[in-house]
Full PDB file with SEQRES, HELIX, SHEET, SSBOND, CRYST1, ORIGX, SCALE, CONECT and MASTER records, all heavy atoms in Angstrom:
SEQRES   1 A   30  ASP ILE ALA SER LEU THR PRO ASP MET ARG ALA VAL ALA          
SEQRES   2 A   30  ALA LEU PRO TYR LYS GLY LEU ILE CYS THR ALA PRO GLY          
SEQRES   3 A   30  ASN ASP CYS ASP                                              
HELIX    1 AA1 MET A    9  ALA A   13  1                                   5    
CRYST1    1.000    1.000    1.000  90.00  90.00  90.00 P 1           1          
ORIGX1      1.000000  0.000000  0.000000        0.00000                         
ORIGX2      0.000000  1.000000  0.000000        0.00000                         
ORIGX3      0.000000  0.000000  1.000000        0.00000                         
SCALE1      1.000000  0.000000  0.000000        0.00000                         
SCALE2      0.000000  1.000000  0.000000        0.00000                         
SCALE3      0.000000  0.000000  1.000000        0.00000                         
ATOM      1  N   ASP A   1     -51.618 -10.097 -43.707  1.00  0.00           N  
ATOM      2  CA  ASP A   1     -50.574 -10.650 -42.887  1.00  0.00           C  
ATOM      3  C   ASP A   1     -51.001 -10.703 -41.356  1.00  0.00           C  
ATOM      4  O   ASP A   1     -50.766 -11.706 -40.683  1.00  0.00           O  
ATOM      5  CB  ASP A   1     -49.282  -9.839 -43.009  1.00  0.00           C  
ATOM      6  CG  ASP A   1     -48.630  -9.953 -44.333  1.00  0.00           C  
ATOM      7  OD1 ASP A   1     -48.852 -10.973 -45.082  1.00  0.00           O  
ATOM      8  OD2 ASP A   1     -47.871  -9.015 -44.735  1.00  0.00           O  
ATOM      9  N   ILE A   2     -51.590  -9.598 -40.954  1.00  0.00           N  
ATOM     10  CA  ILE A   2     -52.003  -9.482 -39.527  1.00  0.00           C  
ATOM     11  C   ILE A   2     -53.114 -10.507 -39.238  1.00  0.00           C  
ATOM     12  O   ILE A   2     -53.089 -11.217 -38.246  1.00  0.00           O  
ATOM     13  CB  ILE A   2     -52.418  -8.074 -39.203  1.00  0.00           C  
ATOM     14  CG1 ILE A   2     -51.302  -7.069 -39.471  1.00  0.00           C  
ATOM     15  CG2 ILE A   2     -52.897  -7.958 -37.748  1.00  0.00           C  
ATOM     16  CD1 ILE A   2     -50.071  -7.274 -38.674  1.00  0.00           C  
ATOM     17  N   ALA A   3     -54.121 -10.556 -40.155  1.00  0.00           N  
ATOM     18  CA  ALA A   3     -55.281 -11.430 -39.899  1.00  0.00           C  
ATOM     19  C   ALA A   3     -54.844 -12.947 -39.872  1.00  0.00           C  
ATOM     20  O   ALA A   3     -55.481 -13.692 -39.148  1.00  0.00           O  
ATOM     21  CB  ALA A   3     -56.290 -11.214 -41.053  1.00  0.00           C  
ATOM     22  N   SER A   4     -53.812 -13.269 -40.599  1.00  0.00           N  
ATOM     23  CA  SER A   4     -53.478 -14.679 -40.694  1.00  0.00           C  
ATOM     24  C   SER A   4     -52.433 -15.137 -39.664  1.00  0.00           C  
ATOM     25  O   SER A   4     -51.998 -16.297 -39.697  1.00  0.00           O  
ATOM     26  CB  SER A   4     -52.916 -14.962 -42.074  1.00  0.00           C  
ATOM     27  OG  SER A   4     -51.708 -14.223 -42.397  1.00  0.00           O  
ATOM     28  N   LEU A   5     -52.024 -14.238 -38.760  1.00  0.00           N  
ATOM     29  CA  LEU A   5     -51.022 -14.636 -37.760  1.00  0.00           C  
ATOM     30  C   LEU A   5     -51.586 -15.723 -36.847  1.00  0.00           C  
ATOM     31  O   LEU A   5     -52.694 -15.634 -36.355  1.00  0.00           O  
ATOM     32  CB  LEU A   5     -50.614 -13.420 -36.918  1.00  0.00           C  
ATOM     33  CG  LEU A   5     -49.744 -12.336 -37.596  1.00  0.00           C  
ATOM     34  CD1 LEU A   5     -49.607 -11.166 -36.635  1.00  0.00           C  
ATOM     35  CD2 LEU A   5     -48.417 -12.847 -38.020  1.00  0.00           C  
ATOM     36  N   THR A   6     -50.736 -16.739 -36.618  1.00  0.00           N  
ATOM     37  CA  THR A   6     -51.081 -17.839 -35.679  1.00  0.00           C  
ATOM     38  C   THR A   6     -49.908 -18.010 -34.736  1.00  0.00           C  
ATOM     39  O   THR A   6     -49.098 -18.956 -34.919  1.00  0.00           O  
ATOM     40  CB  THR A   6     -51.419 -19.128 -36.450  1.00  0.00           C  
ATOM     41  OG1 THR A   6     -50.285 -19.449 -37.320  1.00  0.00           O  
ATOM     42  CG2 THR A   6     -52.695 -18.986 -37.289  1.00  0.00           C  
ATOM     43  N   PRO A   7     -49.749 -17.171 -33.723  1.00  0.00           N  
ATOM     44  CA  PRO A   7     -48.573 -17.185 -32.905  1.00  0.00           C  
ATOM     45  C   PRO A   7     -48.456 -18.479 -32.052  1.00  0.00           C  
ATOM     46  O   PRO A   7     -49.506 -19.068 -31.669  1.00  0.00           O  
ATOM     47  CB  PRO A   7     -48.805 -15.982 -31.975  1.00  0.00           C  
ATOM     48  CG  PRO A   7     -49.803 -15.143 -32.642  1.00  0.00           C  
ATOM     49  CD  PRO A   7     -50.669 -16.078 -33.416  1.00  0.00           C  
ATOM     50  N   ASP A   8     -47.262 -18.858 -31.785  1.00  0.00           N  
ATOM     51  CA  ASP A   8     -46.973 -19.845 -30.751  1.00  0.00           C  
ATOM     52  C   ASP A   8     -46.878 -19.106 -29.435  1.00  0.00           C  
ATOM     53  O   ASP A   8     -45.889 -18.387 -29.150  1.00  0.00           O  
ATOM     54  CB  ASP A   8     -45.601 -20.519 -31.082  1.00  0.00           C  
ATOM     55  CG  ASP A   8     -45.178 -21.549 -30.057  1.00  0.00           C  
ATOM     56  OD1 ASP A   8     -45.614 -21.483 -28.920  1.00  0.00           O  
ATOM     57  OD2 ASP A   8     -44.333 -22.383 -30.405  1.00  0.00           O  
ATOM     58  N   MET A   9     -47.947 -19.226 -28.604  1.00  0.00           N  
ATOM     59  CA  MET A   9     -48.049 -18.367 -27.431  1.00  0.00           C  
ATOM     60  C   MET A   9     -46.927 -18.604 -26.414  1.00  0.00           C  
ATOM     61  O   MET A   9     -46.485 -17.712 -25.747  1.00  0.00           O  
ATOM     62  CB  MET A   9     -49.418 -18.552 -26.790  1.00  0.00           C  
ATOM     63  CG  MET A   9     -50.554 -18.023 -27.633  1.00  0.00           C  
ATOM     64  SD  MET A   9     -50.379 -16.222 -28.010  1.00  0.00           S  
ATOM     65  CE  MET A   9     -51.781 -15.989 -29.102  1.00  0.00           C  
ATOM     66  N   ARG A  10     -46.457 -19.879 -26.331  1.00  0.00           N  
ATOM     67  CA  ARG A  10     -45.313 -20.140 -25.381  1.00  0.00           C  
ATOM     68  C   ARG A  10     -44.071 -19.422 -25.892  1.00  0.00           C  
ATOM     69  O   ARG A  10     -43.304 -18.850 -25.097  1.00  0.00           O  
ATOM     70  CB  ARG A  10     -45.094 -21.650 -25.265  1.00  0.00           C  
ATOM     71  CG  ARG A  10     -46.158 -22.357 -24.520  1.00  0.00           C  
ATOM     72  CD  ARG A  10     -45.739 -23.784 -24.197  1.00  0.00           C  
ATOM     73  NE  ARG A  10     -46.721 -24.477 -23.383  1.00  0.00           N  
ATOM     74  CZ  ARG A  10     -46.586 -25.702 -22.896  1.00  0.00           C  
ATOM     75  NH1 ARG A  10     -45.427 -26.353 -23.153  1.00  0.00           N  
ATOM     76  NH2 ARG A  10     -47.524 -26.274 -22.177  1.00  0.00           N  
ATOM     77  N   ALA A  11     -43.856 -19.427 -27.178  1.00  0.00           N  
ATOM     78  CA  ALA A  11     -42.709 -18.722 -27.737  1.00  0.00           C  
ATOM     79  C   ALA A  11     -42.840 -17.222 -27.585  1.00  0.00           C  
ATOM     80  O   ALA A  11     -41.826 -16.537 -27.254  1.00  0.00           O  
ATOM     81  CB  ALA A  11     -42.526 -19.109 -29.196  1.00  0.00           C  
ATOM     82  N   VAL A  12     -44.010 -16.661 -27.773  1.00  0.00           N  
ATOM     83  CA  VAL A  12     -44.231 -15.265 -27.569  1.00  0.00           C  
ATOM     84  C   VAL A  12     -43.980 -14.862 -26.105  1.00  0.00           C  
ATOM     85  O   VAL A  12     -43.346 -13.852 -25.832  1.00  0.00           O  
ATOM     86  CB  VAL A  12     -45.660 -14.845 -28.003  1.00  0.00           C  
ATOM     87  CG1 VAL A  12     -45.988 -13.397 -27.595  1.00  0.00           C  
ATOM     88  CG2 VAL A  12     -45.885 -15.040 -29.509  1.00  0.00           C  
ATOM     89  N   ALA A  13     -44.441 -15.722 -25.188  1.00  0.00           N  
ATOM     90  CA  ALA A  13     -44.299 -15.399 -23.749  1.00  0.00           C  
ATOM     91  C   ALA A  13     -42.817 -15.416 -23.352  1.00  0.00           C  
ATOM     92  O   ALA A  13     -42.414 -14.797 -22.371  1.00  0.00           O  
ATOM     93  CB  ALA A  13     -45.090 -16.415 -22.946  1.00  0.00           C  
ATOM     94  N   ALA A  14     -42.014 -16.186 -24.128  1.00  0.00           N  
ATOM     95  CA  ALA A  14     -40.580 -16.242 -23.761  1.00  0.00           C  
ATOM     96  C   ALA A  14     -39.763 -15.130 -24.299  1.00  0.00           C  
ATOM     97  O   ALA A  14     -38.596 -14.944 -23.951  1.00  0.00           O  
ATOM     98  CB  ALA A  14     -40.016 -17.610 -24.313  1.00  0.00           C  
ATOM     99  N   LEU A  15     -40.360 -14.260 -25.170  1.00  0.00           N  
ATOM    100  CA  LEU A  15     -39.611 -13.132 -25.674  1.00  0.00           C  
ATOM    101  C   LEU A  15     -39.448 -12.069 -24.642  1.00  0.00           C  
ATOM    102  O   LEU A  15     -40.132 -12.060 -23.602  1.00  0.00           O  
ATOM    103  CB  LEU A  15     -40.419 -12.535 -26.884  1.00  0.00           C  
ATOM    104  CG  LEU A  15     -40.536 -13.500 -28.137  1.00  0.00           C  
ATOM    105  CD1 LEU A  15     -41.530 -12.899 -29.136  1.00  0.00           C  
ATOM    106  CD2 LEU A  15     -39.166 -13.699 -28.805  1.00  0.00           C  
ATOM    107  N   PRO A  16     -38.487 -11.115 -24.827  1.00  0.00           N  
ATOM    108  CA  PRO A  16     -38.169 -10.156 -23.748  1.00  0.00           C  
ATOM    109  C   PRO A  16     -39.187  -9.016 -23.552  1.00  0.00           C  
ATOM    110  O   PRO A  16     -38.965  -8.156 -22.706  1.00  0.00           O  
ATOM    111  CB  PRO A  16     -36.817  -9.613 -24.169  1.00  0.00           C  
ATOM    112  CG  PRO A  16     -36.738  -9.815 -25.623  1.00  0.00           C  
ATOM    113  CD  PRO A  16     -37.531 -11.074 -25.907  1.00  0.00           C  
ATOM    114  N   TYR A  17     -40.227  -9.009 -24.362  1.00  0.00           N  
ATOM    115  CA  TYR A  17     -41.270  -7.990 -24.250  1.00  0.00           C  
ATOM    116  C   TYR A  17     -42.559  -8.586 -23.722  1.00  0.00           C  
ATOM    117  O   TYR A  17     -42.939  -9.689 -24.099  1.00  0.00           O  
ATOM    118  CB  TYR A  17     -41.499  -7.271 -25.568  1.00  0.00           C  
ATOM    119  CG  TYR A  17     -40.296  -6.565 -26.029  1.00  0.00           C  
ATOM    120  CD1 TYR A  17     -39.330  -7.193 -26.846  1.00  0.00           C  
ATOM    121  CD2 TYR A  17     -40.041  -5.207 -25.647  1.00  0.00           C  
ATOM    122  CE1 TYR A  17     -38.164  -6.528 -27.231  1.00  0.00           C  
ATOM    123  CE2 TYR A  17     -38.845  -4.586 -26.081  1.00  0.00           C  
ATOM    124  CZ  TYR A  17     -37.943  -5.227 -26.848  1.00  0.00           C  
ATOM    125  OH  TYR A  17     -36.820  -4.578 -27.277  1.00  0.00           O  
ATOM    126  N   LYS A  18     -43.299  -7.858 -22.886  1.00  0.00           N  
ATOM    127  CA  LYS A  18     -44.516  -8.386 -22.278  1.00  0.00           C  
ATOM    128  C   LYS A  18     -45.650  -8.473 -23.283  1.00  0.00           C  
ATOM    129  O   LYS A  18     -46.565  -9.295 -23.114  1.00  0.00           O  
ATOM    130  CB  LYS A  18     -44.956  -7.502 -21.084  1.00  0.00           C  
ATOM    131  CG  LYS A  18     -43.951  -7.574 -19.933  1.00  0.00           C  
ATOM    132  CD  LYS A  18     -44.458  -6.696 -18.772  1.00  0.00           C  
ATOM    133  CE  LYS A  18     -43.504  -6.763 -17.604  1.00  0.00           C  
ATOM    134  NZ  LYS A  18     -43.918  -5.977 -16.474  1.00  0.00           N  
ATOM    135  N   GLY A  19     -45.627  -7.670 -24.330  1.00  0.00           N  
ATOM    136  CA  GLY A  19     -46.694  -7.713 -25.339  1.00  0.00           C  
ATOM    137  C   GLY A  19     -46.172  -7.335 -26.707  1.00  0.00           C  
ATOM    138  O   GLY A  19     -45.251  -6.554 -26.814  1.00  0.00           O  
ATOM    139  N   LEU A  20     -46.765  -7.984 -27.771  1.00  0.00           N  
ATOM    140  CA  LEU A  20     -46.344  -7.685 -29.123  1.00  0.00           C  
ATOM    141  C   LEU A  20     -47.537  -7.059 -29.827  1.00  0.00           C  
ATOM    142  O   LEU A  20     -48.656  -7.627 -29.867  1.00  0.00           O  
ATOM    143  CB  LEU A  20     -45.952  -8.973 -29.906  1.00  0.00           C  
ATOM    144  CG  LEU A  20     -44.789  -9.806 -29.370  1.00  0.00           C  
ATOM    145  CD1 LEU A  20     -44.439 -10.935 -30.289  1.00  0.00           C  
ATOM    146  CD2 LEU A  20     -43.554  -8.917 -29.140  1.00  0.00           C  
ATOM    147  N   ILE A  21     -47.343  -5.837 -30.360  1.00  0.00           N  
ATOM    148  CA  ILE A  21     -48.348  -5.082 -31.160  1.00  0.00           C  
ATOM    149  C   ILE A  21     -48.017  -5.334 -32.609  1.00  0.00           C  
ATOM    150  O   ILE A  21     -47.077  -4.794 -33.123  1.00  0.00           O  
ATOM    151  CB  ILE A  21     -48.343  -3.600 -30.867  1.00  0.00           C  
ATOM    152  CG1 ILE A  21     -48.378  -3.368 -29.322  1.00  0.00           C  
ATOM    153  CG2 ILE A  21     -49.479  -2.905 -31.583  1.00  0.00           C  
ATOM    154  CD1 ILE A  21     -47.958  -1.950 -28.937  1.00  0.00           C  
ATOM    155  N   CYS A  22     -48.811  -6.132 -33.251  1.00  0.00           N  
ATOM    156  CA  CYS A  22     -48.565  -6.449 -34.677  1.00  0.00           C  
ATOM    157  C   CYS A  22     -49.487  -5.537 -35.523  1.00  0.00           C  
ATOM    158  O   CYS A  22     -50.671  -5.475 -35.307  1.00  0.00           O  
ATOM    159  CB  CYS A  22     -48.864  -7.933 -34.980  1.00  0.00           C  
ATOM    160  SG  CYS A  22     -47.822  -9.043 -34.027  1.00  0.00           S  
ATOM    161  N   THR A  23     -48.892  -4.874 -36.516  1.00  0.00           N  
ATOM    162  CA  THR A  23     -49.675  -3.819 -37.241  1.00  0.00           C  
ATOM    163  C   THR A  23     -49.263  -3.811 -38.723  1.00  0.00           C  
ATOM    164  O   THR A  23     -48.189  -4.218 -39.110  1.00  0.00           O  
ATOM    165  CB  THR A  23     -49.431  -2.477 -36.586  1.00  0.00           C  
ATOM    166  OG1 THR A  23     -50.327  -1.505 -37.185  1.00  0.00           O  
ATOM    167  CG2 THR A  23     -48.016  -1.959 -36.753  1.00  0.00           C  
ATOM    168  N   ALA A  24     -50.187  -3.276 -39.530  1.00  0.00           N  
ATOM    169  CA  ALA A  24     -49.988  -3.125 -41.008  1.00  0.00           C  
ATOM    170  C   ALA A  24     -51.030  -2.085 -41.476  1.00  0.00           C  
ATOM    171  O   ALA A  24     -51.988  -1.748 -40.787  1.00  0.00           O  
ATOM    172  CB  ALA A  24     -50.169  -4.459 -41.702  1.00  0.00           C  
ATOM    173  N   PRO A  25     -50.827  -1.576 -42.716  1.00  0.00           N  
ATOM    174  CA  PRO A  25     -51.862  -0.682 -43.295  1.00  0.00           C  
ATOM    175  C   PRO A  25     -53.190  -1.393 -43.396  1.00  0.00           C  
ATOM    176  O   PRO A  25     -53.204  -2.631 -43.675  1.00  0.00           O  
ATOM    177  CB  PRO A  25     -51.242  -0.322 -44.678  1.00  0.00           C  
ATOM    178  CG  PRO A  25     -49.801  -0.635 -44.602  1.00  0.00           C  
ATOM    179  CD  PRO A  25     -49.666  -1.754 -43.599  1.00  0.00           C  
ATOM    180  N   GLY A  26     -54.255  -0.650 -43.204  1.00  0.00           N  
ATOM    181  CA  GLY A  26     -55.621  -1.243 -43.334  1.00  0.00           C  
ATOM    182  C   GLY A  26     -56.109  -1.159 -44.771  1.00  0.00           C  
ATOM    183  O   GLY A  26     -55.663  -0.332 -45.562  1.00  0.00           O  
ATOM    184  N   ASN A  27     -57.110  -1.970 -45.074  1.00  0.00           N  
ATOM    185  CA  ASN A  27     -57.796  -1.900 -46.412  1.00  0.00           C  
ATOM    186  C   ASN A  27     -58.912  -0.900 -46.341  1.00  0.00           C  
ATOM    187  O   ASN A  27     -59.167  -0.196 -47.338  1.00  0.00           O  
ATOM    188  CB  ASN A  27     -58.282  -3.290 -46.800  1.00  0.00           C  
ATOM    189  CG  ASN A  27     -57.107  -4.258 -47.029  1.00  0.00           C  
ATOM    190  OD1 ASN A  27     -56.073  -3.860 -47.519  1.00  0.00           O  
ATOM    191  ND2 ASN A  27     -57.323  -5.534 -46.639  1.00  0.00           N  
ATOM    192  N   ASP A  28     -59.670  -0.836 -45.248  1.00  0.00           N  
ATOM    193  CA  ASP A  28     -60.828   0.043 -45.123  1.00  0.00           C  
ATOM    194  C   ASP A  28     -60.640   0.994 -43.936  1.00  0.00           C  
ATOM    195  O   ASP A  28     -61.593   1.545 -43.390  1.00  0.00           O  
ATOM    196  CB  ASP A  28     -62.106  -0.701 -45.007  1.00  0.00           C  
ATOM    197  CG  ASP A  28     -62.127  -1.723 -43.817  1.00  0.00           C  
ATOM    198  OD1 ASP A  28     -61.051  -1.870 -43.176  1.00  0.00           O  
ATOM    199  OD2 ASP A  28     -63.170  -2.331 -43.533  1.00  0.00           O  
ATOM    200  N   CYS A  29     -59.383   1.173 -43.495  1.00  0.00           N  
ATOM    201  CA  CYS A  29     -59.028   2.088 -42.419  1.00  0.00           C  
ATOM    202  C   CYS A  29     -57.557   2.420 -42.604  1.00  0.00           C  
ATOM    203  O   CYS A  29     -56.936   1.918 -43.515  1.00  0.00           O  
ATOM    204  CB  CYS A  29     -59.343   1.455 -41.030  1.00  0.00           C  
ATOM    205  SG  CYS A  29     -58.339  -0.038 -40.744  1.00  0.00           S  
ATOM    206  N   ASP A  30     -57.063   3.291 -41.727  1.00  0.00           N  
ATOM    207  CA  ASP A  30     -55.649   3.661 -41.891  1.00  0.00           C  
ATOM    208  C   ASP A  30     -54.653   2.577 -41.495  1.00  0.00           C  
ATOM    209  O   ASP A  30     -53.632   2.362 -42.114  1.00  0.00           O  
ATOM    210  CB  ASP A  30     -55.355   4.972 -41.126  1.00  0.00           C  
ATOM    211  CG  ASP A  30     -56.066   6.119 -41.687  1.00  0.00           C  
ATOM    212  OD1 ASP A  30     -55.891   6.388 -42.930  1.00  0.00           O  
ATOM    213  OD2 ASP A  30     -56.842   6.803 -40.993  1.00  0.00           O  
TER     214      ASP A  30                                                      
MASTER        0    0    0    1    0    0    0    6  213    1    0    3          
END                                                                             
């Protein structure tokens, strides 16, 4: 899910947070 994200950067910039940390369990890491 994380690898395939294709954000709309203008829409992300319009959100109320300065940065989005997208995360999920790893396959070869935690």
